[in-house]
Every structure is written in structure tokens, then in C-alpha cells.
PDB file of N, CA and C in Angstrom:
ATOM      1  N   MET A   1     -13.503  22.475  -4.331  1.00  0.00           N
ATOM      2  CA  MET A   1     -11.815  22.739  -5.349  1.00  0.00           C
ATOM      3  C   MET A   1     -12.053  23.250  -7.034  1.00  0.00           C
ATOM      4  N   THR A   2     -12.829  23.732  -7.316  1.00  0.00           N
ATOM      5  CA  THR A   2     -13.071  24.110  -8.657  1.00  0.00           C
ATOM      6  C   THR A   2     -11.244  24.468  -9.168  1.00  0.00           C
ATOM      7  N   GLY A   3     -10.968  24.060 -10.146  1.00  0.00           N
ATOM      8  CA  GLY A   3      -9.454  24.607 -10.762  1.00  0.00           C
ATOM      9  C   GLY A   3      -8.244  23.633  -9.529  1.00  0.00           C
ATOM     10  N   GLN A   4      -8.695  23.029  -8.714  1.00  0.00           N
ATOM     11  CA  GLN A   4      -7.957  22.843  -7.975  1.00  0.00           C
ATOM     12  C   GLN A   4      -7.335  21.509  -8.064  1.00  0.00           C
ATOM     13  N   ARG A   5      -6.246  20.724  -7.742  1.00  0.00           N
ATOM     14  CA  ARG A   5      -6.221  19.534  -8.117  1.00  0.00           C
ATOM     15  C   ARG A   5      -5.492  19.322  -6.542  1.00  0.00           C
ATOM     16  N   LEU A   6      -5.385  17.807  -6.792  1.00  0.00           N
ATOM     17  CA  LEU A   6      -5.440  17.348  -4.751  1.00  0.00           C
ATOM     18  C   LEU A   6      -3.740  16.270  -5.174  1.00  0.00           C
ATOM     19  N   ALA A   7      -3.039  16.696  -4.491  1.00  0.00           N
ATOM     20  CA  ALA A   7      -1.733  15.880  -4.918  1.00  0.00           C
ATOM     21  C   ALA A   7      -1.289  15.321  -3.376  1.00  0.00           C
ATOM     22  N   ILE A   8      -1.300  13.960  -3.409  1.00  0.00           N
ATOM     23  CA  ILE A   8      -0.801  13.379  -2.484  1.00  0.00           C
ATOM     24  C   ILE A   8       0.642  12.640  -2.592  1.00  0.00           C
ATOM     25  N   LEU A   9       1.614  13.095  -1.438  1.00  0.00           N
ATOM     26  CA  LEU A   9       2.870  12.310  -1.753  1.00  0.00           C
ATOM     27  C   LEU A   9       2.992  11.382  -0.376  1.00  0.00           C
ATOM     28  N   VAL A  10       3.522  10.173  -1.244  1.00  0.00           N
ATOM     29  CA  VAL A  10       3.377   8.992  -0.014  1.00  0.00           C
ATOM     30  C   VAL A  10       5.505   8.664  -0.451  1.00  0.00           C
ATOM     31  N   ASP A  11       6.268   8.708   0.469  1.00  0.00           N
ATOM     32  CA  ASP A  11       7.983   8.574   0.551  1.00  0.00           C
ATOM     33  C   ASP A  11       7.766   7.155   1.286  1.00  0.00           C
ATOM     34  N   PHE A  12       8.411   5.899   1.121  1.00  0.00           N
ATOM     35  CA  PHE A  12       8.224   5.000   1.855  1.00  0.00           C
ATOM     36  C   PHE A  12       9.812   4.317   2.149  1.00  0.00           C
ATOM     37  N   ASP A  13      11.147   5.640   1.411  1.00  0.00           N
ATOM     38  CA  ASP A  13      12.399   5.396   1.689  1.00  0.00           C
ATOM     39  C   ASP A  13      12.864   6.870   2.057  1.00  0.00           C
ATOM     40  N   ASP A  14      12.188   7.415   2.729  1.00  0.00           N
ATOM     41  CA  ASP A  14      12.786   8.347   3.618  1.00  0.00           C
ATOM     42  C   ASP A  14      13.614   9.588   3.047  1.00  0.00           C
ATOM     43  N   THR A  15      13.584   9.822   1.498  1.00  0.00           N
ATOM     44  CA  THR A  15      14.135  10.827   1.035  1.00  0.00           C
ATOM     45  C   THR A  15      12.868  12.045   0.244  1.00  0.00           C
ATOM     46  N   ALA A  16      11.854  12.139   0.778  1.00  0.00           N
ATOM     47  CA  ALA A  16      11.177  13.266   0.268  1.00  0.00           C
ATOM     48  C   ALA A  16      10.075  14.007   1.574  1.00  0.00           C
ATOM     49  N   ALA A  17       9.693  13.081   2.169  1.00  0.00           N
ATOM     50  CA  ALA A  17       8.886  13.389   3.236  1.00  0.00           C
ATOM     51  C   ALA A  17       9.861  13.593   4.762  1.00  0.00           C
ATOM     52  N   GLN A  18       8.595  14.062   5.520  1.00  0.00           N
ATOM     53  CA  GLN A  18       9.513  14.555   6.838  1.00  0.00           C
ATOM     54  C   GLN A  18       9.207  13.349   7.989  1.00  0.00           C
ATOM     55  N   GLN A  19       8.760  12.475   7.590  1.00  0.00           N
ATOM     56  CA  GLN A  19       7.725  11.297   8.560  1.00  0.00           C
ATOM     57  C   GLN A  19       7.977  10.524   7.395  1.00  0.00           C
ATOM     58  N   ASN A  20       8.797   9.128   8.291  1.00  0.00           N
ATOM     59  CA  ASN A  20       7.763   7.532   7.269  1.00  0.00           C
ATOM     60  C   ASN A  20       6.741   7.427   7.084  1.00  0.00           C
ATOM     61  N   VAL A  21       6.675   7.304   6.539  1.00  0.00           N
ATOM     62  CA  VAL A  21       4.974   6.862   5.964  1.00  0.00           C
ATOM     63  C   VAL A  21       4.840   5.307   6.223  1.00  0.00           C
ATOM     64  N   ALA A  22       6.020   4.411   6.117  1.00  0.00           N
ATOM     65  CA  ALA A  22       6.203   2.893   6.487  1.00  0.00           C
ATOM     66  C   ALA A  22       6.189   2.935   7.557  1.00  0.00           C
ATOM     67  N   GLU A  23       6.872   3.527   8.960  1.00  0.00           N
ATOM     68  CA  GLU A  23       6.864   3.563   9.917  1.00  0.00           C
ATOM     69  C   GLU A  23       5.680   3.755  10.540  1.00  0.00           C
ATOM     70  N   THR A  24       4.803   4.884   9.678  1.00  0.00           N
ATOM     71  CA  THR A  24       4.096   5.324  10.783  1.00  0.00           C
ATOM     72  C   THR A  24       2.634   4.141  10.174  1.00  0.00           C
ATOM     73  N   LEU A  25       2.611   3.463   9.447  1.00  0.00           N
ATOM     74  CA  LEU A  25       1.838   2.672   9.168  1.00  0.00           C
ATOM     75  C   LEU A  25       2.127   1.291  10.083  1.00  0.00           C
ATOM     76  N   LEU A  26       2.956   0.975   9.820  1.00  0.00           N
ATOM     77  CA  LEU A  26       3.832  -0.432  10.785  1.00  0.00           C
ATOM     78  C   LEU A  26       3.800   0.006  12.397  1.00  0.00           C
ATOM     79  N   LYS A  27       3.492   1.472  12.669  1.00  0.00           N
ATOM     80  CA  LYS A  27       3.498   1.482  14.193  1.00  0.00           C
ATOM     81  C   LYS A  27       1.843   1.726  14.581  1.00  0.00           C
ATOM     82  N   GLU A  28       0.945   2.182  13.594  1.00  0.00           N
ATOM     83  CA  GLU A  28      -0.469   1.932  13.699  1.00  0.00           C
ATOM     84  C   GLU A  28      -1.065   0.905  13.740  1.00  0.00           C
ATOM     85  N   PHE A  29      -0.725  -0.372  12.466  1.00  0.00           N
ATOM     86  CA  PHE A  29      -0.953  -1.475  12.483  1.00  0.00           C
ATOM     87  C   PHE A  29      -0.537  -2.716  12.932  1.00  0.00           C
ATOM     88  N   ARG A  30       0.801  -2.360  13.386  1.00  0.00           N
ATOM     89  CA  ARG A  30       1.567  -3.796  13.887  1.00  0.00           C
ATOM     90  C   ARG A  30       1.917  -3.712  15.325  1.00  0.00           C
ATOM     91  N   GLY A  31       1.564  -2.381  15.506  1.00  0.00           N
ATOM     92  CA  GLY A  31       2.235  -2.132  17.277  1.00  0.00           C
ATOM     93  C   GLY A  31       3.904  -1.623  17.466  1.00  0.00           C
ATOM     94  N   ASP A  32       4.639  -2.720  18.320  1.00  0.00           N
ATOM     95  CA  ASP A  32       5.676  -2.015  18.772  1.00  0.00           C
ATOM     96  C   ASP A  32       6.669  -3.565  18.037  1.00  0.00           C
ATOM     97  N   GLY A  33       5.893  -4.532  17.969  1.00  0.00           N
ATOM     98  CA  GLY A  33       6.461  -6.070  17.488  1.00  0.00           C
ATOM     99  C   GLY A  33       7.888  -5.434  15.791  1.00  0.00           C
ATOM    100  N   TRP A  34       7.029  -5.177  15.306  1.00  0.00           N
ATOM    101  CA  TRP A  34       7.563  -4.776  14.071  1.00  0.00           C
ATOM    102  C   TRP A  34       9.432  -4.145  13.990  1.00  0.00           C
ATOM    103  N   GLN A  35       9.938  -3.398  14.738  1.00  0.00           N
ATOM    104  CA  GLN A  35      10.665  -3.011  15.022  1.00  0.00           C
ATOM    105  C   GLN A  35      12.084  -4.012  14.923  1.00  0.00           C
ATOM    106  N   GLY A  36      11.992  -5.001  15.461  1.00  0.00           N
ATOM    107  CA  GLY A  36      12.796  -6.315  15.865  1.00  0.00           C
ATOM    108  C   GLY A  36      13.244  -6.789  14.184  1.00  0.00           C
ATOM    109  N   PHE A  37      11.797  -6.976  13.697  1.00  0.00           N
ATOM    110  CA  PHE A  37      12.033  -7.516  12.320  1.00  0.00           C
ATOM    111  C   PHE A  37      12.630  -6.678  11.272  1.00  0.00           C
ATOM    112  N   ARG A  38      12.361  -5.223  11.708  1.00  0.00           N
ATOM    113  CA  ARG A  38      12.788  -4.401  10.822  1.00  0.00           C
ATOM    114  C   ARG A  38      14.502  -4.245  10.992  1.00  0.00           C
ATOM    115  N   ASP A  39      15.207  -4.350  12.085  1.00  0.00           N
ATOM    116  CA  ASP A  39      16.406  -4.530  12.603  1.00  0.00           C
ATOM    117  C   ASP A  39      17.289  -5.906  11.967  1.00  0.00           C
ATOM    118  N   GLU A  40      16.237  -7.205  11.959  1.00  0.00           N
ATOM    119  CA  GLU A  40      17.372  -8.284  11.325  1.00  0.00           C
ATOM    120  C   GLU A  40      17.701  -7.731   9.547  1.00  0.00           C
ATOM    121  N   LEU A  41      16.440  -6.570   8.998  1.00  0.00           N
ATOM    122  CA  LEU A  41      16.571  -6.797   7.732  1.00  0.00           C
ATOM    123  C   LEU A  41      17.686  -5.566   7.720  1.00  0.00           C
ATOM    124  N   ARG A  42      18.341  -4.987   8.476  1.00  0.00           N
ATOM    125  CA  ARG A  42      19.352  -3.928   8.524  1.00  0.00           C
ATOM    126  C   ARG A  42      20.197  -4.425   8.882  1.00  0.00           C
ATOM    127  N   ASN A  43      20.415  -5.792   9.443  1.00  0.00           N
ATOM    128  CA  ASN A  43      21.742  -6.295  10.139  1.00  0.00           C
ATOM    129  C   ASN A  43      22.042  -7.389   9.417  1.00  0.00           C
ATOM    130  N   GLY A  44      21.270  -7.713   7.810  1.00  0.00           N
ATOM    131  CA  GLY A  44      21.486  -8.625   7.308  1.00  0.00           C
ATOM    132  C   GLY A  44      21.405  -9.707   7.436  1.00  0.00           C
ATOM    133  N   THR A  45      19.885 -10.327   8.412  1.00  0.00           N
ATOM    134  CA  THR A  45      19.394 -11.407   8.873  1.00  0.00           C
ATOM    135  C   THR A  45      18.255 -11.820   7.640  1.00  0.00           C
ATOM    136  N   LEU A  46      17.982 -10.705   7.343  1.00  0.00           N
ATOM    137  CA  LEU A  46      16.910 -11.433   6.537  1.00  0.00           C
ATOM    138  C   LEU A  46      17.666 -10.306   5.154  1.00  0.00           C
ATOM    139  N   ASN A  47      16.633 -11.131   3.827  1.00  0.00           N
ATOM    140  CA  ASN A  47      16.963 -10.308   2.480  1.00  0.00           C
ATOM    141  C   ASN A  47      15.882  -9.639   2.034  1.00  0.00           C
ATOM    142  N   LEU A  48      15.331  -8.652   1.421  1.00  0.00           N
ATOM    143  CA  LEU A  48      14.662  -7.625   1.208  1.00  0.00           C
ATOM    144  C   LEU A  48      13.255  -8.514   0.907  1.00  0.00           C
ATOM    145  N   GLY A  49      13.733  -9.114   0.085  1.00  0.00           N
ATOM    146  CA  GLY A  49      12.004 -10.150  -0.169  1.00  0.00           C
ATOM    147  C   GLY A  49      11.388 -10.836   0.822  1.00  0.00           C
ATOM    148  N   TYR A  50      12.099 -11.525   1.260  1.00  0.00           N
ATOM    149  CA  TYR A  50      11.512 -12.060   3.002  1.00  0.00           C
ATOM    150  C   TYR A  50      11.080 -11.325   3.612  1.00  0.00           C
ATOM    151  N   TYR A  51      11.799  -9.909   3.971  1.00  0.00           N
ATOM    152  CA  TYR A  51      10.766  -8.622   4.665  1.00  0.00           C
ATOM    153  C   TYR A  51       9.505  -8.619   3.947  1.00  0.00           C
ATOM    154  N   GLN A  52       9.682  -8.211   2.591  1.00  0.00           N
ATOM    155  CA  GLN A  52       8.741  -7.983   2.126  1.00  0.00           C
ATOM    156  C   GLN A  52       7.355  -8.570   2.166  1.00  0.00           C
ATOM    157  N   GLU A  53       7.697 -10.031   2.197  1.00  0.00           N
ATOM    158  CA  GLU A  53       6.856 -11.103   2.182  1.00  0.00           C
ATOM    159  C   GLU A  53       6.523 -11.978   3.599  1.00  0.00           C
ATOM    160  N   LYS A  54       7.134 -11.432   4.422  1.00  0.00           N
ATOM    161  CA  LYS A  54       6.971 -12.458   5.471  1.00  0.00           C
ATOM    162  C   LYS A  54       5.873 -12.569   5.791  1.00  0.00           C
ATOM    163  N   PRO A  55       5.107 -13.787   5.908  1.00  0.00           N
ATOM    164  CA  PRO A  55       4.142 -13.864   6.524  1.00  0.00           C
ATOM    165  C   PRO A  55       3.281 -13.562   8.022  1.00  0.00           C
ATOM    166  N   SER A  56       4.203 -13.874   8.640  1.00  0.00           N
ATOM    167  CA  SER A  56       3.924 -13.053  10.239  1.00  0.00           C
ATOM    168  C   SER A  56       3.904 -11.735  10.122  1.00  0.00           C
ATOM    169  N   MET A  57       3.736 -11.305   9.187  1.00  0.00           N
ATOM    170  CA  MET A  57       3.639  -9.352   9.172  1.00  0.00           C
ATOM    171  C   MET A  57       2.229  -9.284   8.546  1.00  0.00           C
ATOM    172  N   ARG A  58       1.731 -10.217   8.377  1.00  0.00           N
ATOM    173  CA  ARG A  58       0.179 -10.137   7.396  1.00  0.00           C
ATOM    174  C   ARG A  58      -0.918  -9.660   8.427  1.00  0.00           C
TER     175      ARG A  58
END
């Protein structure tokens, strides 16, 4: 890689990448259970701070 630079694009909010990185990681490491949790955030049952820190997701 002489003279070349590596660039890695990480897009967690669906603005730049064709595939949602967060969803890819959740599918890989959490299986199917994460989708209901995400729906709670989207319908207003959970706020963003709790969603990001929820202990059961760790």
C-alpha cells in the first residue's frame, strides 16, 4: 500500500452508507431480539439515552 491510504466509512444513522452498520452489528451479535427493542425507541416508549445504555443489551 505504498502511497495509498485506507478509509473506513462507519455510518450509524443511514445517511451515507448503503447498509446500516448498527443493524448489521445487532443482527450479528444480538440475534433477532433487538428489533422489538428498536421499535420501542421508534414509538416513543424509550428515550434515546435509555436505549443506548439499556443493560439487557450488553
